[in-house]
C-alpha atoms as a PDB file:
ATOM      1  CA  PRO A   1     -55.779-110.441 -66.352  1.00  0.00           C
ATOM      2  CA  ILE A   2     -52.528-111.765 -65.356  1.00  0.00           C
ATOM      3  CA  LYS A   3     -50.666-111.422 -61.660  1.00  0.00           C
ATOM      4  CA  GLY A   4     -47.856-111.610 -61.433  1.00  0.00           C
ATOM      5  CA  ASN A   5     -45.350-111.710 -58.083  1.00  0.00           C
ATOM      6  CA  THR A   6     -41.467-111.081 -58.174  1.00  0.00           C
ATOM      7  CA  ASP A   7     -39.251-110.531 -55.948  1.00  0.00           C
ATOM      8  CA  GLY A   8     -35.092-109.961 -56.246  1.00  0.00           C
ATOM      9  CA  THR A   9     -32.706-110.085 -53.195  1.00  0.00           C
ATOM     10  CA  ALA A  10     -28.754-109.276 -53.195  1.00  0.00           C
ATOM     11  CA  LEU A  11     -26.220-110.472 -50.323  1.00  0.00           C
ATOM     12  CA  GLY A  12     -24.733-106.974 -49.811  1.00  0.00           C
ATOM     13  CA  SER A  13     -24.651-104.159 -51.743  1.00  0.00           C
ATOM     14  CA  PRO A  14     -24.045-104.641 -54.350  1.00  0.00           C
ATOM     15  CA  GLY A  15     -23.380-108.679 -53.648  1.00  0.00           C
ATOM     16  CA  HIS A  16     -24.751-111.980 -55.161  1.00  0.00           C
ATOM     17  CA  ALA A  17     -28.306-111.114 -56.157  1.00  0.00           C
ATOM     18  CA  ALA A  18     -31.093-112.813 -57.680  1.00  0.00           C
ATOM     19  CA  CYS A  19     -34.938-112.936 -58.654  1.00  0.00           C
ATOM     20  CA  GLY A  20     -37.650-115.107 -58.936  1.00  0.00           C
ATOM     21  CA  GLY A  21     -41.680-114.769 -59.966  1.00  0.00           C
ATOM     22  CA  ILE A  22     -44.737-116.337 -60.491  1.00  0.00           C
ATOM     23  CA  LEU A  23     -47.439-116.039 -63.046  1.00  0.00           C
ATOM     24  CA  ARG A  24     -51.133-116.701 -62.046  1.00  0.00           C
ATOM     25  CA  ASN A  25     -54.638-116.496 -64.155  1.00  0.00           C
ATOM     26  CA  HIS A  26     -57.626-114.832 -62.123  1.00  0.00           C
ATOM     27  CA  LEU A  27     -58.322-118.211 -60.484  1.00  0.00           C
ATOM     28  CA  GLY A  28     -55.010-118.286 -58.826  1.00  0.00           C
ATOM     29  CA  GLN A  29     -53.950-121.486 -60.844  1.00  0.00           C
ATOM     30  CA  ASN A  30     -49.886-121.168 -61.676  1.00  0.00           C
ATOM     31  CA  LEU A  31     -49.090-120.422 -65.571  1.00  0.00           C
ATOM     32  CA  GLY A  32     -45.336-120.131 -65.070  1.00  0.00           C
ATOM     33  CA  CYS A  33     -42.797-119.357 -62.431  1.00  0.00           C
ATOM     34  CA  PHE A  34     -39.061-118.654 -63.046  1.00  0.00           C
ATOM     35  CA  ALA A  35     -36.050-117.747 -60.987  1.00  0.00           C
ATOM     36  CA  ALA A  36     -32.571-116.341 -61.966  1.00  0.00           C
ATOM     37  CA  ASN A  37     -29.113-115.955 -60.895  1.00  0.00           C
ATOM     38  CA  ILE A  38     -28.248-112.497 -62.040  1.00  0.00           C
ATOM     39  CA  GLY A  39     -24.475-111.918 -60.691  1.00  0.00           C
ATOM     40  CA  VAL A  40     -23.413-109.421 -58.476  1.00  0.00           C
ATOM     41  CA  ALA A  41     -25.918-106.079 -58.285  1.00  0.00           C
ATOM     42  CA  ASN A  42     -28.008-104.073 -55.271  1.00  0.00           C
ATOM     43  CA  ALA A  43     -31.242-105.208 -54.183  1.00  0.00           C
ATOM     44  CA  LEU A  44     -33.055-102.445 -56.201  1.00  0.00           C
ATOM     45  CA  TYR A  45     -31.676-104.200 -59.526  1.00  0.00           C
ATOM     46  CA  ALA A  46     -32.610-107.615 -58.833  1.00  0.00           C
ATOM     47  CA  GLU A  47     -36.260-106.318 -58.033  1.00  0.00           C
ATOM     48  CA  LEU A  48     -36.205-104.560 -61.186  1.00  0.00           C
ATOM     49  CA  MET A  49     -34.779-107.511 -63.188  1.00  0.00           C
ATOM     50  CA  GLY A  50     -37.804-109.957 -61.712  1.00  0.00           C
ATOM     51  CA  VAL A  51     -40.268-107.324 -62.778  1.00  0.00           C
ATOM     52  CA  ILE A  52     -38.287-107.146 -66.641  1.00  0.00           C
ATOM     53  CA  LEU A  53     -38.222-111.132 -66.527  1.00  0.00           C
ATOM     54  CA  ALA A  54     -42.088-111.377 -66.049  1.00  0.00           C
ATOM     55  CA  ILE A  55     -42.672-108.731 -68.613  1.00  0.00           C
ATOM     56  CA  GLU A  56     -40.540-110.884 -70.962  1.00  0.00           C
ATOM     57  CA  ILE A  57     -42.307-114.270 -70.133  1.00  0.00           C
ATOM     58  CA  ALA A  58     -46.173-112.546 -71.167  1.00  0.00           C
ATOM     59  CA  TYR A  59     -44.959-110.867 -73.747  1.00  0.00           C
ATOM     60  CA  GLU A  60     -43.748-114.637 -74.905  1.00  0.00           C
ATOM     61  CA  LYS A  61     -47.129-116.028 -74.387  1.00  0.00           C
ATOM     62  CA  ASN A  62     -48.706-112.696 -75.796  1.00  0.00           C
ATOM     63  CA  TRP A  63     -50.707-111.766 -72.558  1.00  0.00           C
ATOM     64  CA  ASN A  64     -52.090-108.345 -72.429  1.00  0.00           C
ATOM     65  CA  TYR A  65     -53.287-107.691 -69.447  1.00  0.00           C
ATOM     66  CA  LEU A  66     -50.450-107.546 -66.482  1.00  0.00           C
ATOM     67  CA  TRP A  67     -50.813-106.707 -62.494  1.00  0.00           C
ATOM     68  CA  PHE A  68     -47.737-106.872 -60.604  1.00  0.00           C
ATOM     69  CA  GLY A  69     -47.124-107.224 -56.824  1.00  0.00           C
ATOM     70  CA  VAL A  70     -43.243-106.661 -56.208  1.00  0.00           C
END
């Protein structure tokens, strides 16, 4: 399985928001990472966007088994 660790934050509610994450294999090797500025949003939206972006990356790379830590 591919392990995804994502996080999102906002400076205010709403405020400037961003998210990021890392995707690793079962050996802990980095398979990919990302960071994104998502504009003005709240923290929950930023967290969800982090997971959505990680799923999009996994889909593009045809990775089928995902496990997330948020």
